[in-house]
């Protein structure tokens, strides 16, 4: 297991590893190399194309190790545990519905769940996307 990590790693043109980890709040939140590869896939296949449509995107929660996932009340089989999910919001709140519409129709979206002003999106580099969508899942 990795015990230190360079958070200045660029996962894609507009996204850094540090945005997915929040080590200031959760210093134990260290991903494996495979988790980083999975996050990179998500950035290239989902987040970068979405950013073209809506502008800057803020990652509220990305990768979560098991202890962080428990602290935040994540489900036991969360894709966050494998670097295959992110809870995000557009920097411009007026772009929220546009972001939802994009992910609803995007071919690489595995799962889209929405809350009040934020979205949970997931991807799976190893299986066909399920295209599971639930609007207002988190109230």
Protein backbone atom coordinates (compact mmCIF):
# COMPACT_ATOMS: atom_id res chain seq x y z
CA UNK A 1 0.00 0.00 0.00
CA UNK A 2 1.17 3.51 -0.79
CA UNK A 3 1.78 5.61 2.35
CA UNK A 4 2.76 8.88 0.65
CA UNK A 5 1.53 10.37 -2.56
CA UNK A 6 2.32 13.33 -4.77
CA UNK A 7 -1.02 15.14 -4.95
CA UNK A 8 0.26 17.50 -7.65
CA UNK A 9 -0.26 14.76 -10.23
CA UNK A 10 -2.32 15.95 -13.18
CA UNK A 11 -5.02 13.40 -14.05
CA UNK A 12 -6.22 15.33 -17.10
CA UNK A 13 -6.01 18.84 -18.51
CA UNK A 14 -8.22 20.42 -15.82
CA UNK A 15 -8.17 17.95 -12.92
CA UNK A 16 -5.55 17.21 -10.28
CA UNK A 17 -5.29 14.20 -7.99
CA UNK A 18 -5.49 16.50 -4.95
CA UNK A 19 -9.08 17.43 -5.91
CA UNK A 20 -10.13 13.80 -5.46
CA UNK A 21 -8.39 13.16 -2.13
CA UNK A 22 -8.99 16.10 0.24
CA UNK A 23 -5.94 15.10 2.29
CA UNK A 24 -6.15 18.26 4.41
CA UNK A 25 -9.33 16.90 5.96
CA UNK A 26 -8.59 13.17 5.54
CA UNK A 27 -4.81 12.55 5.66
CA UNK A 28 -5.35 8.77 5.58
CA UNK A 29 -7.14 8.94 2.20
CA UNK A 30 -4.34 7.41 0.09
CA UNK A 31 -5.33 5.60 -3.15
CA UNK A 32 -3.61 2.65 -4.78
CA UNK A 33 -2.01 2.98 -8.19
CA UNK A 34 -5.07 1.28 -9.72
CA UNK A 35 -7.36 3.77 -7.99
CA UNK A 36 -5.37 6.63 -9.58
CA UNK A 37 -5.65 4.94 -12.98
CA UNK A 38 -9.43 4.66 -12.46
CA UNK A 39 -9.69 8.36 -11.53
CA UNK A 40 -7.68 9.28 -14.60
CA UNK A 41 -10.11 7.28 -16.75
CA UNK A 42 -13.05 9.13 -15.18
CA UNK A 43 -11.43 12.48 -15.79
CA UNK A 44 -10.79 11.76 -19.46
CA UNK A 45 -14.06 9.98 -20.25
CA UNK A 46 -16.55 11.99 -18.15
CA UNK A 47 -15.23 15.08 -16.41
CA UNK A 48 -13.27 16.69 -19.24
CA UNK A 49 -16.12 16.29 -21.78
CA UNK A 50 -18.56 17.69 -19.18
CA UNK A 51 -16.26 20.64 -18.51
CA UNK A 52 -16.40 21.57 -22.19
CA UNK A 53 -20.19 21.84 -21.87
CA UNK A 54 -20.59 23.58 -18.48
CA UNK A 55 -17.25 25.14 -17.61
CA UNK A 56 -15.31 24.47 -14.40
CA UNK A 57 -16.43 21.59 -12.20
CA UNK A 58 -15.81 21.28 -8.46
CA UNK A 59 -15.18 17.86 -6.95
CA UNK A 60 -16.84 17.66 -3.53
CA UNK A 61 -15.78 14.05 -2.96
CA UNK A 62 -13.73 11.72 -5.10
CA UNK A 63 -11.69 8.76 -3.95
CA UNK A 64 -12.44 7.48 -0.45
CA UNK A 65 -10.46 4.89 1.47
CA UNK A 66 -12.57 2.61 3.67
CA UNK A 67 -12.22 4.71 6.82
CA UNK A 68 -13.16 7.94 5.03
CA UNK A 69 -16.07 6.22 3.33
CA UNK A 70 -17.37 5.14 6.76
CA UNK A 71 -16.89 8.66 8.20
CA UNK A 72 -18.98 10.25 5.44
CA UNK A 73 -21.68 7.57 5.52
CA UNK A 74 -20.85 6.02 2.15
CA UNK A 75 -22.29 2.65 1.18
CA UNK A 76 -20.07 -0.40 1.70
CA UNK A 77 -19.74 -1.15 -2.01
CA UNK A 78 -19.24 2.48 -3.08
CA UNK A 79 -17.39 3.05 -6.33
CA UNK A 80 -15.62 5.91 -4.50
CA UNK A 81 -13.54 3.16 -2.83
CA UNK A 82 -12.00 2.28 -6.20
CA UNK A 83 -11.57 5.75 -7.71
CA UNK A 84 -14.60 5.16 -9.93
CA UNK A 85 -16.92 7.90 -8.64
CA UNK A 86 -17.08 11.58 -7.80
CA UNK A 87 -19.60 13.89 -6.22
CA UNK A 88 -19.42 17.09 -8.22
CA UNK A 89 -21.09 20.41 -8.93
CA UNK A 90 -20.61 23.00 -11.63
CA UNK A 91 -18.77 26.12 -10.51
CA UNK A 92 -21.66 28.09 -12.02
CA UNK A 93 -24.86 26.85 -10.29
CA UNK A 94 -26.87 28.01 -13.32
CA UNK A 95 -25.21 25.15 -15.27
CA UNK A 96 -26.50 22.40 -12.95
CA UNK A 97 -29.35 21.16 -15.17
CA UNK A 98 -27.11 21.29 -18.21
CA UNK A 99 -24.60 19.07 -16.38
CA UNK A 100 -27.36 16.63 -15.40
CA UNK A 101 -28.59 16.48 -19.01
CA UNK A 102 -25.08 15.87 -20.26
CA UNK A 103 -24.44 12.91 -17.95
CA UNK A 104 -27.91 11.44 -18.57
CA UNK A 105 -27.03 11.08 -22.24
CA UNK A 106 -23.26 10.48 -22.04
CA UNK A 107 -22.13 7.05 -23.18
CA UNK A 108 -19.56 6.55 -20.39
CA UNK A 109 -21.86 7.38 -17.46
CA UNK A 110 -22.26 4.31 -15.27
CA UNK A 111 -24.39 5.99 -12.61
CA UNK A 112 -25.89 9.45 -12.11
CA UNK A 113 -27.59 10.37 -8.85
CA UNK A 114 -28.49 13.94 -7.97
CA UNK A 115 -28.75 15.80 -4.71
CA UNK A 116 -29.45 19.44 -3.92
CA UNK A 117 -27.02 21.21 -6.20
CA UNK A 118 -24.60 18.32 -6.68
CA UNK A 119 -24.33 15.09 -8.65
CA UNK A 120 -22.85 11.68 -7.93
CA UNK A 121 -21.37 10.23 -11.09
CA UNK A 122 -19.58 6.95 -11.54
CA UNK A 123 -17.70 5.10 -14.24
CA UNK A 124 -16.32 1.62 -14.65
CA UNK A 125 -13.28 1.08 -16.85
CA UNK A 126 -13.83 -2.70 -16.72
CA UNK A 127 -17.50 -3.16 -17.61
CA UNK A 128 -20.12 -1.64 -19.89
CA UNK A 129 -21.83 1.41 -18.32
CA UNK A 130 -25.17 0.68 -16.62
CA UNK A 131 -26.57 4.14 -17.42
CA UNK A 132 -28.41 4.13 -14.09
CA UNK A 133 -30.03 7.54 -13.48
CA UNK A 134 -31.95 8.65 -10.42
CA UNK A 135 -32.83 12.33 -10.17
CA UNK A 136 -33.37 13.73 -6.65
CA UNK A 137 -31.89 10.54 -5.16
CA UNK A 138 -30.31 12.48 -2.30
CA UNK A 139 -32.77 14.85 -0.65
